[in-house]
Amino acid sequence: MGTWQIVDQPLNCTPLPGVWSYRVKRDQDGNISKYKAWWCARGDMQMPWEYNNTYSPTSRFAAVRTIIATAAQEGMELHHWDIQ
């Protein structure tokens, strides 16, 4: 599926510990619709000088819809960038 990418660990870094969290999603009738799992890193274990090394911007869906609607109304083009 291309979800994970295995990389070499830098020599001067220690990975953060964490835990797996699991959830079963159910539909309106109570039947299982999907299984979800995610890795939760313990951010409280970061060293103070490492706090600026993480960056994960998010936006609300309503804000994204507003931008798309405004661009469509004004005849503008939208561009997307992936920053790694």
C-alpha atoms as a PDB file:
ATOM      1  CA  MET A   1       0.000   0.000   0.000  1.00  0.00           C
ATOM      2  CA  GLY A   2       2.991   2.333   0.282  1.00  0.00           C
ATOM      3  CA  THR A   3       2.047   3.554   3.753  1.00  0.00           C
ATOM      4  CA  TRP A   4       5.406   3.001   5.399  1.00  0.00           C
ATOM      5  CA  GLN A   5       8.917   3.778   4.275  1.00  0.00           C
ATOM      6  CA  ILE A   6      11.826   2.108   6.065  1.00  0.00           C
ATOM      7  CA  VAL A   7      14.846   4.359   6.506  1.00  0.00           C
ATOM      8  CA  ASP A   8      18.183   4.010   8.293  1.00  0.00           C
ATOM      9  CA  GLN A   9      18.369   5.491  11.776  1.00  0.00           C
ATOM     10  CA  PRO A  10      20.840   8.392  12.097  1.00  0.00           C
ATOM     11  CA  LEU A  11      23.789   7.490  14.307  1.00  0.00           C
ATOM     12  CA  ASN A  12      23.308  10.377  16.764  1.00  0.00           C
ATOM     13  CA  CYS A  13      19.540   9.895  17.325  1.00  0.00           C
ATOM     14  CA  THR A  14      17.441   7.694  19.562  1.00  0.00           C
ATOM     15  CA  PRO A  15      13.953   6.803  18.357  1.00  0.00           C
ATOM     16  CA  LEU A  16      11.035   7.885  20.524  1.00  0.00           C
ATOM     17  CA  PRO A  17       9.162   5.090  22.268  1.00  0.00           C
ATOM     18  CA  GLY A  18       5.491   4.706  21.539  1.00  0.00           C
ATOM     19  CA  VAL A  19       2.481   2.434  21.515  1.00  0.00           C
ATOM     20  CA  TRP A  20       0.073   1.044  18.957  1.00  0.00           C
ATOM     21  CA  SER A  21      -3.562   2.088  19.318  1.00  0.00           C
ATOM     22  CA  TYR A  22      -6.343   0.030  17.783  1.00  0.00           C
ATOM     23  CA  ARG A  23     -10.007   0.782  17.118  1.00  0.00           C
ATOM     24  CA  VAL A  24     -12.858  -1.115  15.515  1.00  0.00           C
ATOM     25  CA  LYS A  25     -15.223   1.125  13.532  1.00  0.00           C
ATOM     26  CA  ARG A  26     -18.846   0.006  13.299  1.00  0.00           C
ATOM     27  CA  ASP A  27     -21.692   0.995  10.975  1.00  0.00           C
ATOM     28  CA  GLN A  28     -25.193   2.067  12.042  1.00  0.00           C
ATOM     29  CA  ASP A  29     -26.298  -1.546  12.532  1.00  0.00           C
ATOM     30  CA  GLY A  30     -23.347  -2.398  14.776  1.00  0.00           C
ATOM     31  CA  ASN A  31     -21.521  -4.459  12.150  1.00  0.00           C
ATOM     32  CA  ILE A  32     -17.757  -4.055  11.860  1.00  0.00           C
ATOM     33  CA  SER A  33     -17.015  -1.703   8.962  1.00  0.00           C
ATOM     34  CA  LYS A  34     -13.235  -1.307   9.337  1.00  0.00           C
ATOM     35  CA  TYR A  35     -10.278  -1.802  11.615  1.00  0.00           C
ATOM     36  CA  LYS A  36      -8.004   1.155  12.367  1.00  0.00           C
ATOM     37  CA  ALA A  37      -4.534   1.202  13.886  1.00  0.00           C
ATOM     38  CA  TRP A  38      -2.023   3.966  14.467  1.00  0.00           C
ATOM     39  CA  TRP A  39       1.341   4.439  16.130  1.00  0.00           C
ATOM     40  CA  CYS A  40       1.450   7.039  18.909  1.00  0.00           C
ATOM     41  CA  ALA A  41       4.951   8.325  19.635  1.00  0.00           C
ATOM     42  CA  ARG A  42       5.657   9.590  23.120  1.00  0.00           C
ATOM     43  CA  GLY A  43       6.398  13.228  22.318  1.00  0.00           C
ATOM     44  CA  ASP A  44       6.976  13.985  25.994  1.00  0.00           C
ATOM     45  CA  MET A  45      10.190  11.960  25.736  1.00  0.00           C
ATOM     46  CA  GLN A  46      11.754  14.433  23.264  1.00  0.00           C
ATOM     47  CA  MET A  47      14.778  16.399  24.325  1.00  0.00           C
ATOM     48  CA  PRO A  48      14.212  20.187  24.472  1.00  0.00           C
ATOM     49  CA  TRP A  49      16.461  20.802  21.462  1.00  0.00           C
ATOM     50  CA  GLU A  50      14.408  18.354  19.351  1.00  0.00           C
ATOM     51  CA  TYR A  51      11.060  20.133  19.702  1.00  0.00           C
ATOM     52  CA  ASN A  52      11.570  22.185  16.531  1.00  0.00           C
ATOM     53  CA  ASN A  53      12.359  19.079  14.457  1.00  0.00           C
ATOM     54  CA  THR A  54       8.699  18.069  14.175  1.00  0.00           C
ATOM     55  CA  TYR A  55       6.204  19.840  11.959  1.00  0.00           C
ATOM     56  CA  SER A  56       2.776  18.577  11.056  1.00  0.00           C
ATOM     57  CA  PRO A  57       0.460  21.290   9.748  1.00  0.00           C
ATOM     58  CA  THR A  58      -3.214  20.465   9.544  1.00  0.00           C
ATOM     59  CA  SER A  59      -6.229  22.423   8.430  1.00  0.00           C
ATOM     60  CA  ARG A  60      -9.923  22.139   9.033  1.00  0.00           C
ATOM     61  CA  PHE A  61     -12.068  20.708   6.282  1.00  0.00           C
ATOM     62  CA  ALA A  62     -14.279  23.821   6.326  1.00  0.00           C
ATOM     63  CA  ALA A  63     -11.239  26.032   5.651  1.00  0.00           C
ATOM     64  CA  VAL A  64     -10.160  23.879   2.712  1.00  0.00           C
ATOM     65  CA  ARG A  65     -13.689  23.923   1.244  1.00  0.00           C
ATOM     66  CA  THR A  66     -13.795  27.722   1.586  1.00  0.00           C
ATOM     67  CA  ILE A  67     -10.511  28.098  -0.296  1.00  0.00           C
ATOM     68  CA  ILE A  68     -11.637  25.726  -3.057  1.00  0.00           C
ATOM     69  CA  ALA A  69     -15.031  27.458  -3.391  1.00  0.00           C
ATOM     70  CA  THR A  70     -13.435  30.921  -3.548  1.00  0.00           C
ATOM     71  CA  ALA A  71     -10.927  29.764  -6.171  1.00  0.00           C
ATOM     72  CA  ALA A  72     -13.717  28.223  -8.263  1.00  0.00           C
ATOM     73  CA  GLN A  73     -15.879  31.337  -8.000  1.00  0.00           C
ATOM     74  CA  GLU A  74     -13.013  33.638  -8.977  1.00  0.00           C
ATOM     75  CA  GLY A  75     -11.719  31.356 -11.771  1.00  0.00           C
ATOM     76  CA  MET A  76      -8.386  30.804 -10.023  1.00  0.00           C
ATOM     77  CA  GLU A  77      -6.062  27.799 -10.266  1.00  0.00           C
ATOM     78  CA  LEU A  78      -5.085  25.824  -7.176  1.00  0.00           C
ATOM     79  CA  HIS A  79      -1.687  24.180  -6.793  1.00  0.00           C
ATOM     80  CA  HIS A  80      -0.566  21.620  -4.224  1.00  0.00           C
ATOM     81  CA  TRP A  81       2.919  20.966  -2.835  1.00  0.00           C
ATOM     82  CA  ASP A  82       4.186  18.078  -0.724  1.00  0.00           C
ATOM     83  CA  ILE A  83       6.929  19.250   1.597  1.00  0.00           C
ATOM     84  CA  GLN A  84       9.159  16.539   2.970  1.00  0.00           C
END
